[in-house]
Protein backbone atom coordinates (compact mmCIF):
# COMPACT_ATOMS: atom_id res chain seq x y z
CA UNK A 1 -172.55 -239.38 37.98
CA UNK A 2 -175.72 -240.03 39.91
CA UNK A 3 -173.76 -241.78 42.63
CA UNK A 4 -173.19 -239.60 45.73
CA UNK A 5 -170.12 -241.95 47.57
CA UNK A 6 -169.81 -242.34 51.25
CA UNK A 7 -166.85 -240.37 52.58
CA UNK A 8 -166.12 -238.71 49.69
CA UNK A 9 -165.14 -234.71 49.79
CA UNK A 10 -164.88 -232.95 46.87
CA UNK A 11 -162.51 -232.17 44.02
CA UNK A 12 -161.94 -229.60 41.54
CA UNK A 13 -164.87 -230.68 39.71
CA UNK A 14 -167.09 -230.04 42.00
CA UNK A 15 -166.44 -226.23 42.39
CA UNK A 16 -166.70 -225.98 38.52
CA UNK A 17 -170.00 -227.64 38.60
CA UNK A 18 -171.41 -225.62 41.32
CA UNK A 19 -169.91 -222.58 38.94
CA UNK A 20 -171.38 -223.76 35.87
CA UNK A 21 -174.92 -225.24 36.88
CA UNK A 22 -175.69 -223.33 40.23
CA UNK A 23 -173.99 -219.73 40.64
CA UNK A 24 -173.98 -219.04 37.16
CA UNK A 25 -177.35 -219.90 36.12
CA UNK A 26 -179.91 -217.58 34.51
CA UNK A 27 -182.81 -218.70 36.98
CA UNK A 28 -181.50 -216.87 40.16
CA UNK A 29 -183.66 -218.96 42.23
CA UNK A 30 -181.98 -221.88 41.55
CA UNK A 31 -178.93 -220.33 43.43
CA UNK A 32 -180.95 -218.81 46.34
CA UNK A 33 -182.95 -222.34 47.01
CA UNK A 34 -179.20 -223.89 47.02
CA UNK A 35 -178.06 -221.10 49.65
CA UNK A 36 -181.35 -221.63 51.51
CA UNK A 37 -181.40 -225.61 51.60
CA UNK A 38 -177.14 -225.36 53.31
CA UNK A 39 -178.61 -223.39 56.27
CA UNK A 40 -179.14 -226.68 57.65
CA UNK A 41 -175.37 -226.90 58.54
CA UNK A 42 -174.44 -222.97 58.04
CA UNK A 43 -177.08 -221.16 59.34
CA UNK A 44 -175.85 -217.65 58.67
CA UNK A 45 -174.64 -218.53 55.15
CA UNK A 46 -175.00 -215.53 52.68
CA UNK A 47 -173.15 -216.49 49.62
CA UNK A 48 -171.00 -218.98 47.87
CA UNK A 49 -168.35 -218.64 45.73
CA UNK A 50 -165.59 -220.64 43.80
CA UNK A 51 -162.20 -220.70 42.59
CA UNK A 52 -162.77 -223.24 39.81
CA UNK A 53 -158.98 -223.48 38.97
CA UNK A 54 -158.19 -224.43 42.47
CA UNK A 55 -161.34 -226.27 42.99
CA UNK A 56 -161.88 -224.62 46.07
CA UNK A 57 -165.55 -223.35 47.34
CA UNK A 58 -165.87 -220.69 49.96
CA UNK A 59 -168.61 -220.10 52.35
CA UNK A 60 -169.55 -216.61 53.54
CA UNK A 61 -171.63 -215.94 56.69
CA UNK A 62 -173.78 -212.78 57.27
CA UNK A 63 -171.59 -211.91 60.50
CA UNK A 64 -168.12 -212.59 59.14
CA UNK A 65 -166.64 -210.69 56.56
CA UNK A 66 -164.10 -212.89 55.59
CA UNK A 67 -164.85 -216.32 53.66
CA UNK A 68 -164.04 -219.77 54.52
CA UNK A 69 -163.55 -223.01 52.88
CA UNK A 70 -166.64 -225.40 52.51
CA UNK A 71 -164.47 -228.37 54.13
CA UNK A 72 -163.99 -226.39 57.53
CA UNK A 73 -167.51 -226.76 58.18
CA UNK A 74 -167.23 -230.53 58.52
CA UNK A 75 -168.41 -233.77 56.70
CA UNK A 76 -172.08 -233.05 57.03
CA UNK A 77 -171.87 -229.72 55.47
CA UNK A 78 -169.88 -231.02 52.64
CA UNK A 79 -171.95 -233.97 52.15
CA UNK A 80 -175.36 -231.92 51.92
CA UNK A 81 -173.38 -229.75 49.52
CA UNK A 82 -172.69 -232.75 47.22
CA UNK A 83 -176.01 -234.08 47.07
CA UNK A 84 -177.92 -230.81 46.73
CA UNK A 85 -175.62 -229.77 43.33
CA UNK A 86 -176.16 -233.76 42.34
CA UNK A 87 -179.96 -233.26 42.76
CA UNK A 88 -179.60 -230.26 40.95
CA UNK A 89 -177.77 -231.60 38.04
CA UNK A 90 -179.91 -234.75 37.97
CA UNK A 91 -183.39 -233.11 37.42
CA UNK A 92 -185.77 -235.31 36.16
CA UNK A 93 -183.82 -238.44 36.67
CA UNK A 94 -182.40 -240.71 39.77
CA UNK A 95 -179.54 -240.37 42.45
CA UNK A 96 -177.93 -242.92 44.67
CA UNK A 97 -176.86 -241.48 47.97
CA UNK A 98 -174.42 -244.17 49.27
CA UNK A 99 -174.47 -244.21 53.32
CA UNK A 100 -176.66 -241.24 53.54
CA UNK A 101 -176.30 -240.75 57.07
CA UNK A 102 -172.53 -240.63 57.10
CA UNK A 103 -171.10 -237.63 58.48
CA UNK A 104 -174.79 -236.14 59.63
CA UNK A 105 -175.35 -235.98 63.29
CA UNK A 106 -178.40 -237.93 64.55
CA UNK A 107 -179.91 -234.42 66.12
CA UNK A 108 -180.01 -233.00 62.33
CA UNK A 109 -181.61 -236.57 60.42
CA UNK A 110 -185.00 -235.03 60.38
CA UNK A 111 -184.06 -231.46 58.71
CA UNK A 112 -181.70 -233.33 56.51
CA UNK A 113 -184.73 -235.75 55.28
CA UNK A 114 -186.62 -232.83 54.76
CA UNK A 115 -184.72 -230.79 52.70
CA UNK A 116 -183.27 -234.12 50.67
CA UNK A 117 -187.14 -235.26 49.85
CA UNK A 118 -188.11 -231.46 49.26
CA UNK A 119 -185.36 -230.97 46.69
CA UNK A 120 -185.97 -234.41 45.28
CA UNK A 121 -189.95 -233.74 44.91
CA UNK A 122 -189.09 -230.15 43.15
CA UNK A 123 -186.68 -231.74 40.97
CA UNK A 124 -188.32 -234.78 40.38
CA UNK A 125 -185.86 -236.82 41.44
CA UNK A 126 -185.92 -240.41 42.82
CA UNK A 127 -183.38 -240.96 45.37
CA UNK A 128 -182.01 -244.06 46.00
CA UNK A 129 -180.30 -244.08 49.85
CA UNK A 130 -178.26 -246.78 51.70
CA UNK A 131 -177.71 -246.45 55.36
CA UNK A 132 -176.93 -249.29 58.23
CA UNK A 133 -178.66 -246.20 60.83
CA UNK A 134 -181.84 -247.18 62.51
CA UNK A 135 -182.20 -243.69 63.75
CA UNK A 136 -181.84 -242.46 60.25
CA UNK A 137 -184.47 -244.80 59.25
CA UNK A 138 -187.05 -243.81 62.13
CA UNK A 139 -186.27 -240.24 60.90
CA UNK A 140 -187.25 -240.83 57.20
CA UNK A 141 -190.20 -242.28 58.54
CA UNK A 142 -191.02 -239.39 60.82
CA UNK A 143 -190.40 -237.07 58.66
CA UNK A 144 -192.66 -238.55 55.87
CA UNK A 145 -195.86 -238.58 58.70
CA UNK A 146 -195.31 -234.89 59.25
CA UNK A 147 -197.09 -233.14 56.34
CA UNK A 148 -196.84 -229.88 57.69
CA UNK A 149 -193.21 -229.74 57.06
CA UNK A 150 -193.65 -229.68 53.24
CA UNK A 151 -197.12 -227.43 52.78
CA UNK A 152 -195.15 -224.81 51.11
CA UNK A 153 -193.87 -227.03 48.87
CA UNK A 154 -195.85 -229.82 48.29
CA UNK A 155 -200.08 -229.74 48.29
CA UNK A 156 -201.47 -232.09 50.95
CA UNK A 157 -203.12 -234.11 48.56
CA UNK A 158 -199.84 -233.93 46.52
CA UNK A 159 -197.81 -235.32 49.67
CA UNK A 160 -200.01 -237.96 50.34
CA UNK A 161 -199.28 -239.58 47.02
CA UNK A 162 -195.54 -238.74 47.46
CA UNK A 163 -195.28 -240.63 50.79
CA UNK A 164 -197.34 -243.66 49.61
CA UNK A 165 -194.74 -243.49 46.73
CA UNK A 166 -191.87 -243.89 49.27
CA UNK A 167 -190.29 -247.68 49.59
CA UNK A 168 -187.61 -249.12 51.92
CA UNK A 169 -186.10 -252.19 50.76
CA UNK A 170 -183.72 -254.24 53.33
CA UNK A 171 -181.54 -256.50 51.56
CA UNK A 172 -180.81 -260.13 53.56
CA UNK A 173 -179.28 -263.35 53.00
CA UNK A 174 -181.57 -265.87 52.43
CA UNK A 175 -181.24 -269.72 53.76
CA UNK A 176 -179.67 -270.19 51.06
CA UNK A 177 -177.23 -267.87 51.29
CA UNK A 178 -178.11 -265.81 48.68
CA UNK A 179 -178.55 -262.04 48.52
CA UNK A 180 -182.47 -261.10 48.99
CA UNK A 181 -184.47 -257.90 48.75
CA UNK A 182 -187.66 -257.25 50.80
CA UNK A 183 -189.45 -254.13 49.52
CA UNK A 184 -192.10 -252.52 51.77
CA UNK A 185 -194.53 -249.90 50.94
CA UNK A 186 -194.69 -246.91 53.15
CA UNK A 187 -197.66 -248.30 55.16
CA UNK A 188 -195.84 -251.43 55.46
CA UNK A 189 -192.99 -249.84 56.71
CA UNK A 190 -194.87 -247.79 59.38
CA UNK A 191 -196.31 -250.79 60.63
CA UNK A 192 -193.02 -252.80 60.70
CA UNK A 193 -191.08 -249.82 62.36
CA UNK A 194 -193.58 -248.86 65.05
């Protein structure tokens, strides 16, 4: 499913999907990129293995000889793992991330958004994300205003188009008590939030 639901940990299926689509992929770069992207929350991660029968996901770090279960690394690491897995699995499609900020410490928002946007670009994914967190929204804007964060991944002329394609949609109730949506282009959003 292209939905990453709020507050959902992981189950046996997640370990199996990781094993089938990431770990055993013929393209080993997919696995290496996955490890690299997880370093936001687990800086010394060196390997991810699973036990699909038990639904266990193990993280190995460079300085420790004993693997630890993914859930021991906290909600942020678990959420990022689920999002990255879904984004790899949904290549060329769309993904909806409910409450994208949930479980993510505000100090990690910039690097988190940078990773999400890079992976979205590289996998041709359209991301729909919900949040009520203004700091998360500010970081989204700030990251898109810093093309140097993406220079190894996106050429500067393509980055400008990528940023311009970003939208922020605000849901509100009309005077008639009906739900309404206000869509802002990135430039209009930048102006509104500044």
